[in-house]
Amino acid sequence: MKQHQKVGIGLRTPHLDFFTNQAPQVSWLEIHSENYFQPYSDTRKRLNSIANHHQISCHGIGLSLGSVSRISQSHLSNLKQLITEIDPIFVSDHLSWSEHGSHYFNDLLPLPYTEEALDVFCRNVLEVQDSLQRPMLIENPSSYLAFNHSTIPEWEFLSQVQKRTDCRLLLDLNNIHVSAFNHGFSSEDYLNAIDADKVDEIHLAGFTIKQLEQGEIWIDTHSQRVSDEVWQLYSSWVENHGERHTLIEWDLDIPEPEVLLEEASKATAILNQFCTPERETATRGSAAQLRTKEAS
């Protein structure tokens, strides 16, 4: 099946040779930005070679946008240099924090969803966007614990970030599916609360089920094929809102690239099913009519 122009996969180090030496099999690839910060490294040179044949998206894991401390200027400088060099289609990061007092954690940690945290997060997003001179995409997290003093639902917090900063959104459907189980909310309610017009990219990935003494927990490991339930969420979202750039993520127990390409083909089939030119025109028309009605 011919790959849809909107479907990409995550470029991971074990696959650099494959995408350097093979003819393009997907139109775009997503990198973890921090892995390519060294300007004269072998990985940077190979990325530039790959970028001659693929569009690249820069997905960050180190800006720590939710930290009270200000954005690291050295990190931001490295990101700007990388962006200038490869001209990515998107620059994204997470609704999370990972740094405190110059100590960096290995995880993307959850925020308390409060007005104070919202102010801090928006301040940092605005600083980064002003420096980069482009909007960022902010990705919803997966989570396993909730703060007792959170006062804002996650979907409302994310929506407020978008409205206050004019950023764009990266909707990770697997994260929503995992968090919905762990916290007992509805994935559909979450998705219905997000303005689809602000979504530029969708992530699809697999998760792991772990049994604890307290019960079952779902963990966003990115180490499995996309689950049937997440494929169903994706199909429903695309049917209702149209095509978006869609990424297959796989970060642990990384398989051969052909496995990722198989998963990409499934996303392609869904986009081809629901995103004919006629349907896209009708979807945009319906969305415009709804916005006009809401405005009146």
C-alpha atoms as a PDB file:
ATOM      1  CA  MET A   1       0.000   0.000   0.000  1.00  0.00           C
ATOM      2  CA  LYS A   2       1.300   3.444  -0.880  1.00  0.00           C
ATOM      3  CA  GLN A   3       2.127   5.394   2.270  1.00  0.00           C
ATOM      4  CA  HIS A   4      -0.071   8.396   2.993  1.00  0.00           C
ATOM      5  CA  GLN A   5       1.843  11.682   3.013  1.00  0.00           C
ATOM      6  CA  LYS A   6       0.624  12.400   6.540  1.00  0.00           C
ATOM      7  CA  VAL A   7       1.994   9.182   8.121  1.00  0.00           C
ATOM      8  CA  GLY A   8       5.470   9.041   9.675  1.00  0.00           C
ATOM      9  CA  ILE A   9       7.451   6.999  12.177  1.00  0.00           C
ATOM     10  CA  GLY A  10       9.909   7.810  14.927  1.00  0.00           C
ATOM     11  CA  LEU A  11      13.536   7.775  13.779  1.00  0.00           C
ATOM     12  CA  ARG A  12      15.542   5.871  16.387  1.00  0.00           C
ATOM     13  CA  THR A  13      19.297   5.287  16.416  1.00  0.00           C
ATOM     14  CA  PRO A  14      19.153   1.581  15.411  1.00  0.00           C
ATOM     15  CA  HIS A  15      17.363   2.621  12.220  1.00  0.00           C
ATOM     16  CA  LEU A  16      19.720   5.360  11.039  1.00  0.00           C
ATOM     17  CA  ASP A  17      21.426   3.061   8.547  1.00  0.00           C
ATOM     18  CA  PHE A  18      18.095   1.851   7.170  1.00  0.00           C
ATOM     19  CA  PHE A  19      16.786   5.346   6.455  1.00  0.00           C
ATOM     20  CA  THR A  20      20.142   6.589   5.201  1.00  0.00           C
ATOM     21  CA  ASN A  21      20.507   3.808   2.642  1.00  0.00           C
ATOM     22  CA  GLN A  22      16.913   2.996   1.683  1.00  0.00           C
ATOM     23  CA  ALA A  23      14.637   4.910  -0.639  1.00  0.00           C
ATOM     24  CA  PRO A  24      12.021   6.884   1.347  1.00  0.00           C
ATOM     25  CA  GLN A  25       9.176   4.662   2.531  1.00  0.00           C
ATOM     26  CA  VAL A  26       7.429   7.307   4.634  1.00  0.00           C
ATOM     27  CA  SER A  27       7.292  11.013   3.948  1.00  0.00           C
ATOM     28  CA  TRP A  28       8.405  12.188   7.386  1.00  0.00           C
ATOM     29  CA  LEU A  29      10.321  11.096  10.458  1.00  0.00           C
ATOM     30  CA  GLU A  30      10.291  12.340  14.027  1.00  0.00           C
ATOM     31  CA  ILE A  31      13.485  12.688  16.073  1.00  0.00           C
ATOM     32  CA  HIS A  32      14.094  13.321  19.756  1.00  0.00           C
ATOM     33  CA  SER A  33      15.765  16.694  19.395  1.00  0.00           C
ATOM     34  CA  GLU A  34      18.280  16.275  22.201  1.00  0.00           C
ATOM     35  CA  ASN A  35      19.874  13.255  20.514  1.00  0.00           C
ATOM     36  CA  TYR A  36      21.126  15.545  17.722  1.00  0.00           C
ATOM     37  CA  PHE A  37      22.350  18.609  19.589  1.00  0.00           C
ATOM     38  CA  GLN A  38      26.062  18.029  18.838  1.00  0.00           C
ATOM     39  CA  PRO A  39      26.579  19.932  15.548  1.00  0.00           C
ATOM     40  CA  TYR A  40      29.583  17.974  14.258  1.00  0.00           C
ATOM     41  CA  SER A  41      28.637  14.536  15.520  1.00  0.00           C
ATOM     42  CA  ASP A  42      28.194  11.518  13.271  1.00  0.00           C
ATOM     43  CA  THR A  43      24.491  11.330  14.167  1.00  0.00           C
ATOM     44  CA  ARG A  44      23.986  14.972  13.174  1.00  0.00           C
ATOM     45  CA  LYS A  45      25.692  14.387   9.825  1.00  0.00           C
ATOM     46  CA  ARG A  46      23.551  11.318   9.197  1.00  0.00           C
ATOM     47  CA  LEU A  47      20.417  13.242  10.144  1.00  0.00           C
ATOM     48  CA  ASN A  48      21.276  15.904   7.581  1.00  0.00           C
ATOM     49  CA  SER A  49      21.650  13.187   4.960  1.00  0.00           C
ATOM     50  CA  ILE A  50      18.267  11.693   5.875  1.00  0.00           C
ATOM     51  CA  ALA A  51      16.691  15.153   5.885  1.00  0.00           C
ATOM     52  CA  ASN A  52      17.532  15.459   2.198  1.00  0.00           C
ATOM     53  CA  HIS A  53      14.860  12.826   1.504  1.00  0.00           C
ATOM     54  CA  HIS A  54      12.423  13.080   4.418  1.00  0.00           C
ATOM     55  CA  GLN A  55      10.675  15.846   6.262  1.00  0.00           C
ATOM     56  CA  ILE A  56      11.768  15.919   9.913  1.00  0.00           C
ATOM     57  CA  SER A  57       9.823  16.768  13.063  1.00  0.00           C
ATOM     58  CA  CYS A  58      11.719  17.755  16.233  1.00  0.00           C
ATOM     59  CA  HIS A  59      10.128  16.228  19.335  1.00  0.00           C
ATOM     60  CA  GLY A  60      11.739  17.498  22.530  1.00  0.00           C
ATOM     61  CA  ILE A  61      12.008  15.759  25.882  1.00  0.00           C
ATOM     62  CA  GLY A  62      14.209  18.227  27.768  1.00  0.00           C
ATOM     63  CA  LEU A  63      12.769  21.737  27.772  1.00  0.00           C
ATOM     64  CA  SER A  64      10.917  21.013  31.051  1.00  0.00           C
ATOM     65  CA  LEU A  65       8.191  23.500  30.210  1.00  0.00           C
ATOM     66  CA  GLY A  66       6.404  22.887  33.518  1.00  0.00           C
ATOM     67  CA  SER A  67       9.360  23.802  35.753  1.00  0.00           C
ATOM     68  CA  VAL A  68       9.186  26.899  37.930  1.00  0.00           C
ATOM     69  CA  SER A  69      12.753  27.779  36.943  1.00  0.00           C
ATOM     70  CA  ARG A  70      13.252  29.498  33.614  1.00  0.00           C
ATOM     71  CA  ILE A  71      14.034  27.700  30.386  1.00  0.00           C
ATOM     72  CA  SER A  72      17.678  26.622  30.029  1.00  0.00           C
ATOM     73  CA  GLN A  73      19.217  29.073  27.583  1.00  0.00           C
ATOM     74  CA  SER A  74      21.914  26.608  26.504  1.00  0.00           C
ATOM     75  CA  HIS A  75      19.255  24.005  25.736  1.00  0.00           C
ATOM     76  CA  LEU A  76      17.239  26.560  23.830  1.00  0.00           C
ATOM     77  CA  SER A  77      20.307  27.668  21.879  1.00  0.00           C
ATOM     78  CA  ASN A  78      21.068  24.073  20.859  1.00  0.00           C
ATOM     79  CA  LEU A  79      17.473  23.594  19.759  1.00  0.00           C
ATOM     80  CA  LYS A  80      17.528  26.781  17.684  1.00  0.00           C
ATOM     81  CA  GLN A  81      20.714  25.691  15.905  1.00  0.00           C
ATOM     82  CA  LEU A  82      19.213  22.302  15.087  1.00  0.00           C
ATOM     83  CA  ILE A  83      15.993  23.864  13.802  1.00  0.00           C
ATOM     84  CA  THR A  84      17.902  26.332  11.630  1.00  0.00           C
ATOM     85  CA  GLU A  85      19.901  23.493  10.115  1.00  0.00           C
ATOM     86  CA  ILE A  86      17.143  20.988   9.275  1.00  0.00           C
ATOM     87  CA  ASP A  87      14.030  23.219   9.031  1.00  0.00           C
ATOM     88  CA  PRO A  88      11.592  20.777  10.686  1.00  0.00           C
ATOM     89  CA  ILE A  89       7.883  20.646   9.907  1.00  0.00           C
ATOM     90  CA  PHE A  90       7.040  20.667  13.640  1.00  0.00           C
ATOM     91  CA  VAL A  91       8.732  21.452  16.949  1.00  0.00           C
ATOM     92  CA  SER A  92       7.033  19.809  19.909  1.00  0.00           C
ATOM     93  CA  ASP A  93       7.426  19.072  23.603  1.00  0.00           C
ATOM     94  CA  HIS A  94       5.353  17.770  26.512  1.00  0.00           C
ATOM     95  CA  LEU A  95       2.860  18.949  29.105  1.00  0.00           C
ATOM     96  CA  SER A  96       5.261  17.970  31.876  1.00  0.00           C
ATOM     97  CA  TRP A  97       8.368  18.938  33.826  1.00  0.00           C
ATOM     98  CA  SER A  98      11.725  17.196  34.303  1.00  0.00           C
ATOM     99  CA  GLU A  99      14.077  19.690  35.967  1.00  0.00           C
ATOM    100  CA  HIS A 100      14.340  21.309  39.396  1.00  0.00           C
ATOM    101  CA  GLY A 101      17.274  23.219  40.815  1.00  0.00           C
ATOM    102  CA  SER A 102      19.506  22.228  37.873  1.00  0.00           C
ATOM    103  CA  HIS A 103      18.811  18.551  38.604  1.00  0.00           C
ATOM    104  CA  TYR A 104      17.361  16.704  35.613  1.00  0.00           C
ATOM    105  CA  PHE A 105      15.166  13.631  35.972  1.00  0.00           C
ATOM    106  CA  ASN A 106      14.924  10.808  33.458  1.00  0.00           C
ATOM    107  CA  ASP A 107      11.133  10.955  33.335  1.00  0.00           C
ATOM    108  CA  LEU A 108       8.527  13.361  32.026  1.00  0.00           C
ATOM    109  CA  LEU A 109       6.822  14.175  35.318  1.00  0.00           C
ATOM    110  CA  PRO A 110       3.165  15.210  35.711  1.00  0.00           C
ATOM    111  CA  LEU A 111       2.055  18.692  36.663  1.00  0.00           C
ATOM    112  CA  PRO A 112      -0.412  19.700  39.332  1.00  0.00           C
ATOM    113  CA  TYR A 113      -3.266  21.140  37.302  1.00  0.00           C
ATOM    114  CA  THR A 114      -3.657  24.453  39.103  1.00  0.00           C
ATOM    115  CA  GLU A 115      -3.809  28.099  38.068  1.00  0.00           C
ATOM    116  CA  GLU A 116      -0.274  28.614  39.355  1.00  0.00           C
ATOM    117  CA  ALA A 117       1.085  25.741  37.288  1.00  0.00           C
ATOM    118  CA  LEU A 118      -0.850  26.993  34.268  1.00  0.00           C
ATOM    119  CA  ASP A 119       0.741  30.431  34.584  1.00  0.00           C
ATOM    120  CA  VAL A 120       4.237  28.925  34.787  1.00  0.00           C
ATOM    121  CA  PHE A 121       3.717  26.573  31.874  1.00  0.00           C
ATOM    122  CA  CYS A 122       2.318  29.307  29.622  1.00  0.00           C
ATOM    123  CA  ARG A 123       5.156  31.654  30.563  1.00  0.00           C
ATOM    124  CA  ASN A 124       7.699  29.062  29.467  1.00  0.00           C
ATOM    125  CA  VAL A 125       5.900  28.167  26.244  1.00  0.00           C
ATOM    126  CA  LEU A 126       5.696  31.837  25.299  1.00  0.00           C
ATOM    127  CA  GLU A 127       9.419  32.295  25.986  1.00  0.00           C
ATOM    128  CA  VAL A 128      10.349  29.346  23.767  1.00  0.00           C
ATOM    129  CA  GLN A 129       8.003  30.374  20.965  1.00  0.00           C
ATOM    130  CA  ASP A 130       9.311  33.933  21.058  1.00  0.00           C
ATOM    131  CA  SER A 131      12.881  32.641  20.810  1.00  0.00           C
ATOM    132  CA  LEU A 132      12.153  30.148  18.030  1.00  0.00           C
ATOM    133  CA  GLN A 133       9.796  32.504  16.179  1.00  0.00           C
ATOM    134  CA  ARG A 134       7.357  29.682  15.539  1.00  0.00           C
ATOM    135  CA  PRO A 135       4.522  27.940  17.417  1.00  0.00           C
ATOM    136  CA  MET A 136       5.259  24.794  19.366  1.00  0.00           C
ATOM    137  CA  LEU A 137       3.127  21.671  19.529  1.00  0.00           C
ATOM    138  CA  ILE A 138       2.331  20.606  23.097  1.00  0.00           C
ATOM    139  CA  GLU A 139       1.666  16.912  23.735  1.00  0.00           C
ATOM    140  CA  ASN A 140      -0.708  15.569  26.369  1.00  0.00           C
ATOM    141  CA  PRO A 141       1.014  13.210  28.843  1.00  0.00           C
ATOM    142  CA  SER A 142       0.316   9.756  30.172  1.00  0.00           C
ATOM    143  CA  SER A 143       0.000   9.647  33.947  1.00  0.00           C
ATOM    144  CA  TYR A 144      -0.330   7.170  36.784  1.00  0.00           C
ATOM    145  CA  LEU A 145      -0.889   9.356  39.853  1.00  0.00           C
ATOM    146  CA  ALA A 146      -2.907  12.543  40.325  1.00  0.00           C
ATOM    147  CA  PHE A 147      -2.215  15.486  42.629  1.00  0.00           C
ATOM    148  CA  ASN A 148      -4.846  15.950  45.320  1.00  0.00           C
ATOM    149  CA  HIS A 149      -4.688  19.712  44.899  1.00  0.00           C
ATOM    150  CA  SER A 150      -5.266  19.718  41.139  1.00  0.00           C
ATOM    151  CA  THR A 151      -8.306  21.870  40.395  1.00  0.00           C
ATOM    152  CA  ILE A 152      -8.433  21.756  36.580  1.00  0.00           C
ATOM    153  CA  PRO A 153      -9.127  18.673  34.431  1.00  0.00           C
ATOM    154  CA  GLU A 154      -6.171  17.835  32.197  1.00  0.00           C
ATOM    155  CA  TRP A 155      -8.093  18.449  28.979  1.00  0.00           C
ATOM    156  CA  GLU A 156      -9.150  21.892  30.192  1.00  0.00           C
ATOM    157  CA  PHE A 157      -5.592  22.687  31.325  1.00  0.00           C
ATOM    158  CA  LEU A 158      -4.247  21.731  27.893  1.00  0.00           C
ATOM    159  CA  SER A 159      -6.929  23.777  26.169  1.00  0.00           C
ATOM    160  CA  GLN A 160      -6.101  26.806  28.306  1.00  0.00           C
ATOM    161  CA  VAL A 161      -2.407  26.476  27.431  1.00  0.00           C
ATOM    162  CA  GLN A 162      -3.341  26.563  23.765  1.00  0.00           C
ATOM    163  CA  LYS A 163      -5.599  29.585  24.138  1.00  0.00           C
ATOM    164  CA  ARG A 164      -3.144  31.613  26.225  1.00  0.00           C
ATOM    165  CA  THR A 165      -0.053  30.908  24.124  1.00  0.00           C
ATOM    166  CA  ASP A 166      -1.512  30.283  20.649  1.00  0.00           C
ATOM    167  CA  CYS A 167       0.538  27.087  20.508  1.00  0.00           C
ATOM    168  CA  ARG A 168      -0.632  24.055  18.573  1.00  0.00           C
ATOM    169  CA  LEU A 169      -1.449  20.601  19.942  1.00  0.00           C
ATOM    170  CA  LEU A 170       0.032  17.141  19.542  1.00  0.00           C
ATOM    171  CA  LEU A 171      -2.655  14.659  20.518  1.00  0.00           C
ATOM    172  CA  ASP A 172      -1.279  11.349  21.799  1.00  0.00           C
ATOM    173  CA  LEU A 173      -4.211   8.939  21.668  1.00  0.00           C
ATOM    174  CA  ASN A 174      -2.354   6.177  23.462  1.00  0.00           C
ATOM    175  CA  ASN A 175      -1.597   8.530  26.355  1.00  0.00           C
ATOM    176  CA  ILE A 176      -5.267   9.421  26.621  1.00  0.00           C
ATOM    177  CA  HIS A 177      -6.270   5.751  26.523  1.00  0.00           C
ATOM    178  CA  VAL A 178      -3.739   4.829  29.240  1.00  0.00           C
ATOM    179  CA  SER A 179      -4.562   7.762  31.517  1.00  0.00           C
ATOM    180  CA  ALA A 180      -8.305   7.211  31.100  1.00  0.00           C
ATOM    181  CA  PHE A 181      -7.956   3.704  32.523  1.00  0.00           C
ATOM    182  CA  ASN A 182      -5.558   4.740  35.303  1.00  0.00           C
ATOM    183  CA  HIS A 183      -7.714   7.660  36.463  1.00  0.00           C
ATOM    184  CA  GLY A 184     -11.198   6.449  35.547  1.00  0.00           C
ATOM    185  CA  PHE A 185     -12.249   9.099  33.040  1.00  0.00           C
ATOM    186  CA  SER A 186     -13.623   8.677  29.524  1.00  0.00           C
ATOM    187  CA  SER A 187     -11.301   8.941  26.517  1.00  0.00           C
ATOM    188  CA  GLU A 188     -14.246  10.200  24.475  1.00  0.00           C
ATOM    189  CA  ASP A 189     -14.980  12.979  26.985  1.00  0.00           C
ATOM    190  CA  TYR A 190     -11.327  14.042  26.853  1.00  0.00           C
ATOM    191  CA  LEU A 191     -11.269  14.134  23.049  1.00  0.00           C
ATOM    192  CA  ASN A 192     -14.585  15.963  22.832  1.00  0.00           C
ATOM    193  CA  ALA A 193     -13.152  18.728  25.022  1.00  0.00           C
ATOM    194  CA  ILE A 194     -10.177  19.370  22.707  1.00  0.00           C
ATOM    195  CA  ASP A 195     -10.566  21.816  19.816  1.00  0.00           C
ATOM    196  CA  ALA A 196      -9.677  19.624  16.835  1.00  0.00           C
ATOM    197  CA  ASP A 197      -8.778  22.674  14.741  1.00  0.00           C
ATOM    198  CA  LYS A 198      -5.796  23.245  17.048  1.00  0.00           C
ATOM    199  CA  VAL A 199      -4.412  19.725  16.571  1.00  0.00           C
ATOM    200  CA  ASP A 200      -1.580  19.410  14.026  1.00  0.00           C
ATOM    201  CA  GLU A 201      -0.242  15.955  14.879  1.00  0.00           C
ATOM    202  CA  ILE A 202      -1.364  12.652  16.377  1.00  0.00           C
ATOM    203  CA  HIS A 203       0.807  10.053  18.108  1.00  0.00           C
ATOM    204  CA  LEU A 204      -0.009   6.337  18.154  1.00  0.00           C
ATOM    205  CA  ALA A 205       1.908   3.849  20.288  1.00  0.00           C
ATOM    206  CA  GLY A 206       1.601   0.718  22.397  1.00  0.00           C
ATOM    207  CA  PHE A 207       1.402   0.269  26.164  1.00  0.00           C
ATOM    208  CA  THR A 208       2.096  -2.368  28.808  1.00  0.00           C
ATOM    209  CA  ILE A 209      -0.253  -3.722  31.477  1.00  0.00           C
ATOM    210  CA  LYS A 210       1.345  -4.227  34.892  1.00  0.00           C
ATOM    211  CA  GLN A 211      -0.176  -6.016  37.863  1.00  0.00           C
ATOM    212  CA  LEU A 212       0.457  -4.419  41.270  1.00  0.00           C
ATOM    213  CA  GLU A 213      -0.779  -5.374  44.729  1.00  0.00           C
ATOM    214  CA  GLN A 214      -3.139  -2.415  44.538  1.00  0.00           C
ATOM    215  CA  GLY A 215      -4.486  -3.526  41.177  1.00  0.00           C
ATOM    216  CA  GLU A 216      -3.788  -3.162  37.477  1.00  0.00           C
ATOM    217  CA  ILE A 217      -1.998  -0.171  35.966  1.00  0.00           C
ATOM    218  CA  TRP A 218      -1.367   0.674  32.328  1.00  0.00           C
ATOM    219  CA  ILE A 219       2.044   2.073  31.443  1.00  0.00           C
ATOM    220  CA  ASP A 220       2.880   4.059  28.319  1.00  0.00           C
ATOM    221  CA  THR A 221       6.017   2.109  27.395  1.00  0.00           C
ATOM    222  CA  HIS A 222       6.009   2.624  23.617  1.00  0.00           C
ATOM    223  CA  SER A 223       7.185  -0.968  23.362  1.00  0.00           C
ATOM    224  CA  GLN A 224       4.239  -2.685  21.668  1.00  0.00           C
ATOM    225  CA  ARG A 225       2.134  -2.459  18.564  1.00  0.00           C
ATOM    226  CA  VAL A 226      -0.752   0.006  18.718  1.00  0.00           C
ATOM    227  CA  SER A 227      -3.697  -1.565  20.550  1.00  0.00           C
ATOM    228  CA  ASP A 228      -7.038  -2.228  18.885  1.00  0.00           C
ATOM    229  CA  GLU A 229      -8.708   0.266  21.207  1.00  0.00           C
ATOM    230  CA  VAL A 230      -6.305   3.064  20.219  1.00  0.00           C
ATOM    231  CA  TRP A 231      -6.793   2.238  16.547  1.00  0.00           C
ATOM    232  CA  GLN A 232     -10.527   2.629  17.161  1.00  0.00           C
ATOM    233  CA  LEU A 233      -9.997   6.008  18.840  1.00  0.00           C
ATOM    234  CA  TYR A 234      -7.885   7.068  15.870  1.00  0.00           C
ATOM    235  CA  SER A 235     -10.457   5.910  13.313  1.00  0.00           C
ATOM    236  CA  SER A 236     -13.228   7.753  15.118  1.00  0.00           C
ATOM    237  CA  TRP A 237     -11.190  10.944  15.466  1.00  0.00           C
ATOM    238  CA  VAL A 238     -10.122  10.956  11.817  1.00  0.00           C
ATOM    239  CA  GLU A 239     -13.662  10.212  10.649  1.00  0.00           C
ATOM    240  CA  ASN A 240     -14.964  13.194  12.624  1.00  0.00           C
ATOM    241  CA  HIS A 241     -12.126  15.682  12.122  1.00  0.00           C
ATOM    242  CA  GLY A 242     -10.107  14.707   9.064  1.00  0.00           C
ATOM    243  CA  GLU A 243      -6.471  13.874   8.449  1.00  0.00           C
ATOM    244  CA  ARG A 244      -3.522  15.019  10.532  1.00  0.00           C
ATOM    245  CA  HIS A 245       0.154  14.193  10.499  1.00  0.00           C
ATOM    246  CA  THR A 246       0.233  10.838  12.304  1.00  0.00           C
ATOM    247  CA  LEU A 247       3.253   9.232  13.941  1.00  0.00           C
ATOM    248  CA  ILE A 248       3.935   5.640  14.959  1.00  0.00           C
ATOM    249  CA  GLU A 249       6.046   5.780  18.158  1.00  0.00           C
ATOM    250  CA  TRP A 250       8.215   2.911  19.414  1.00  0.00           C
ATOM    251  CA  ASP A 251      10.941   3.659  21.971  1.00  0.00           C
ATOM    252  CA  LEU A 252      11.673   0.429  23.901  1.00  0.00           C
ATOM    253  CA  ASP A 253      12.334  -3.087  22.605  1.00  0.00           C
ATOM    254  CA  ILE A 254      12.702  -1.430  19.219  1.00  0.00           C
ATOM    255  CA  PRO A 255      11.865  -3.845  16.398  1.00  0.00           C
ATOM    256  CA  GLU A 256      13.072  -3.928  12.824  1.00  0.00           C
ATOM    257  CA  PRO A 257      11.971  -0.864  10.832  1.00  0.00           C
ATOM    258  CA  GLU A 258       9.648  -3.036   8.745  1.00  0.00           C
ATOM    259  CA  VAL A 259       7.450  -3.523  11.830  1.00  0.00           C
ATOM    260  CA  LEU A 260       7.035   0.238  12.201  1.00  0.00           C
ATOM    261  CA  LEU A 261       6.263   0.508   8.510  1.00  0.00           C
ATOM    262  CA  GLU A 262       3.546  -2.133   8.934  1.00  0.00           C
ATOM    263  CA  GLU A 263       1.967  -0.045  11.682  1.00  0.00           C
ATOM    264  CA  ALA A 264       2.257   3.028   9.477  1.00  0.00           C
ATOM    265  CA  SER A 265       0.377   1.144   6.761  1.00  0.00           C
ATOM    266  CA  LYS A 266      -2.532   0.641   9.170  1.00  0.00           C
ATOM    267  CA  ALA A 267      -2.694   4.395   9.766  1.00  0.00           C
ATOM    268  CA  THR A 268      -2.502   4.915   6.018  1.00  0.00           C
ATOM    269  CA  ALA A 269      -5.474   2.618   5.483  1.00  0.00           C
ATOM    270  CA  ILE A 270      -7.551   4.579   7.979  1.00  0.00           C
ATOM    271  CA  LEU A 271      -6.646   7.921   6.407  1.00  0.00           C
ATOM    272  CA  ASN A 272      -7.406   6.571   2.941  1.00  0.00           C
ATOM    273  CA  GLN A 273     -10.753   5.287   4.182  1.00  0.00           C
ATOM    274  CA  PHE A 274     -11.955   8.510   5.759  1.00  0.00           C
ATOM    275  CA  CYS A 275      -9.961  11.301   4.106  1.00  0.00           C
ATOM    276  CA  THR A 276     -11.054  11.465   0.489  1.00  0.00           C
ATOM    277  CA  PRO A 277     -10.954  15.013  -0.943  1.00  0.00           C
ATOM    278  CA  GLU A 278     -14.747  15.162  -0.847  1.00  0.00           C
ATOM    279  CA  ARG A 279     -14.879  14.141   2.820  1.00  0.00           C
ATOM    280  CA  GLU A 280     -12.108  16.581   3.766  1.00  0.00           C
ATOM    281  CA  THR A 281     -14.025  19.427   2.112  1.00  0.00           C
ATOM    282  CA  ALA A 282     -17.204  18.432   3.924  1.00  0.00           C
ATOM    283  CA  THR A 283     -15.389  18.164   7.276  1.00  0.00           C
ATOM    284  CA  ARG A 284     -13.820  21.616   6.912  1.00  0.00           C
ATOM    285  CA  GLY A 285     -17.174  23.056   5.895  1.00  0.00           C
ATOM    286  CA  SER A 286     -18.947  21.563   8.902  1.00  0.00           C
ATOM    287  CA  ALA A 287     -16.266  22.853  11.263  1.00  0.00           C
ATOM    288  CA  ALA A 288     -16.515  26.355   9.795  1.00  0.00           C
ATOM    289  CA  GLN A 289     -20.302  26.335  10.141  1.00  0.00           C
ATOM    290  CA  LEU A 290     -19.995  25.237  13.779  1.00  0.00           C
ATOM    291  CA  ARG A 291     -17.535  28.042  14.575  1.00  0.00           C
ATOM    292  CA  THR A 292     -19.842  30.574  12.915  1.00  0.00           C
ATOM    293  CA  LYS A 293     -22.786  29.298  14.949  1.00  0.00           C
ATOM    294  CA  GLU A 294     -20.793  29.433  18.186  1.00  0.00           C
ATOM    295  CA  ALA A 295     -19.627  32.970  17.410  1.00  0.00           C
ATOM    296  CA  SER A 296     -23.196  34.128  16.855  1.00  0.00           C
END
